[in-house]
Amino acid sequence: MSDLAIRCEGIAKQYRIGQRESYRALRDTVTDAVTAPFRRVRAALQGGNGRPANATPTIWALEDIYSRSGRAKSSASSGATGQGRARC
C-alpha cells in the first residue's frame, strides 16, 4: 500500500483585475466548468474567439502547482507576505 495520503496536481488560481467576485457555491463552479466548452463553441460559430468581448484582464497567482503528502505528515505554505495556511 502506498504511503501517499494527499496528491494535488494542476492547481491554479487566477484573479480578475479590478473586479470583486461574489460568493460561489461548488455547484456554480461545476456548472460553469461543464458549460464552458459549449459557450466557446457557440462563440466560435458566431465568429468570436471564444472569449467575451468585455473580458477583463487577469493575472495568474499560481499556475500548475503540484504537491503530495504522505500519511502522518504535516506541511504548511506561505506567500510572499508571510501569510499562509497550515495543513495537518
Protein backbone atom coordinates (compact mmCIF):
# COMPACT_ATOMS: atom_id res chain seq x y z
CA MET A 1 0.00 0.00 0.00
CA SER A 2 1.24 3.49 -0.82
CA ASP A 3 2.17 5.98 1.89
CA LEU A 4 0.68 8.75 -0.23
CA ALA A 5 -2.27 10.39 1.54
CA ILE A 6 -2.90 13.55 -0.49
CA ARG A 7 -1.90 14.39 -4.05
CA CYS A 8 -2.76 17.63 -5.85
CA GLU A 9 -1.88 18.29 -9.48
CA GLY A 10 -2.54 21.20 -11.80
CA ILE A 11 -3.75 23.60 -9.10
CA ALA A 12 -4.11 27.20 -10.29
CA LYS A 13 -5.51 30.49 -9.05
CA GLN A 14 -6.42 33.34 -11.37
CA TYR A 15 -7.59 36.82 -10.38
CA ARG A 16 -9.64 39.23 -12.47
CA ILE A 17 -8.06 42.65 -12.13
CA GLY A 18 -10.43 45.32 -10.86
CA GLN A 19 -13.36 43.02 -10.07
CA ARG A 20 -14.75 41.72 -6.83
CA GLU A 21 -16.16 38.23 -7.03
CA SER A 22 -19.25 37.26 -5.10
CA TYR A 23 -19.62 34.00 -3.20
CA ARG A 24 -19.87 30.94 -5.45
CA ALA A 25 -21.04 27.55 -4.33
CA LEU A 26 -19.41 24.37 -5.61
CA ARG A 27 -22.42 23.72 -7.84
CA ASP A 28 -21.85 27.09 -9.56
CA THR A 29 -18.22 26.25 -10.27
CA VAL A 30 -19.07 22.77 -11.58
CA THR A 31 -21.87 24.14 -13.76
CA ASP A 32 -19.57 26.78 -15.27
CA ALA A 33 -16.86 24.18 -15.95
CA VAL A 34 -19.31 21.83 -17.69
CA THR A 35 -20.94 24.52 -19.83
CA ALA A 36 -17.73 26.44 -20.76
CA PRO A 37 -16.84 24.27 -23.81
CA PHE A 38 -20.35 24.77 -25.20
CA ARG A 39 -20.12 28.55 -24.73
CA ARG A 40 -16.76 28.58 -26.56
CA VAL A 41 -18.13 26.54 -29.47
CA ARG A 42 -21.17 28.79 -29.74
CA ALA A 43 -18.96 31.90 -29.71
CA ALA A 44 -16.65 30.41 -32.37
CA LEU A 45 -19.61 29.56 -34.59
CA GLN A 46 -20.83 33.12 -34.24
CA GLY A 47 -17.45 34.47 -35.37
CA GLY A 48 -15.90 35.20 -31.98
CA ASN A 49 -12.66 34.00 -30.49
CA GLY A 50 -14.27 32.15 -27.57
CA ARG A 51 -13.81 34.94 -25.04
CA PRO A 52 -16.45 37.54 -24.20
CA ALA A 53 -15.95 40.93 -25.81
CA ASN A 54 -15.92 42.61 -22.40
CA ALA A 55 -13.38 40.20 -20.86
CA THR A 56 -11.39 41.78 -18.05
CA PRO A 57 -7.63 41.46 -17.70
CA THR A 58 -6.45 38.63 -15.48
CA ILE A 59 -3.33 37.65 -13.58
CA TRP A 60 -2.24 34.16 -12.56
CA ALA A 61 -1.21 33.99 -8.91
CA LEU A 62 -0.48 30.25 -9.09
CA GLU A 63 -0.30 28.00 -12.11
CA ASP A 64 0.28 24.26 -12.46
CA ILE A 65 1.14 23.61 -8.80
CA TYR A 66 1.97 20.04 -7.78
CA SER A 67 2.00 18.80 -4.20
CA ARG A 68 1.87 15.50 -2.38
CA SER A 69 1.95 14.46 1.23
CA GLY A 70 2.33 11.11 2.93
CA ARG A 71 0.46 9.68 5.86
CA ALA A 72 1.10 11.25 9.26
CA LYS A 73 2.96 14.16 7.64
CA SER A 74 2.22 17.83 8.04
CA SER A 75 3.00 20.72 5.75
CA ALA A 76 2.48 24.45 5.53
CA SER A 77 2.51 27.00 2.76
CA SER A 78 3.07 30.73 2.92
CA GLY A 79 3.06 33.59 0.47
CA ALA A 80 5.42 36.49 -0.07
CA THR A 81 3.87 38.40 2.83
CA GLY A 82 4.38 35.51 5.22
CA GLN A 83 0.70 34.77 5.46
CA GLY A 84 -0.18 31.18 4.88
CA ARG A 85 -2.19 28.14 5.76
CA ALA A 86 -1.03 25.24 7.88
CA ARG A 87 -2.19 21.81 6.86
CA CYS A 88 -2.06 18.86 9.19
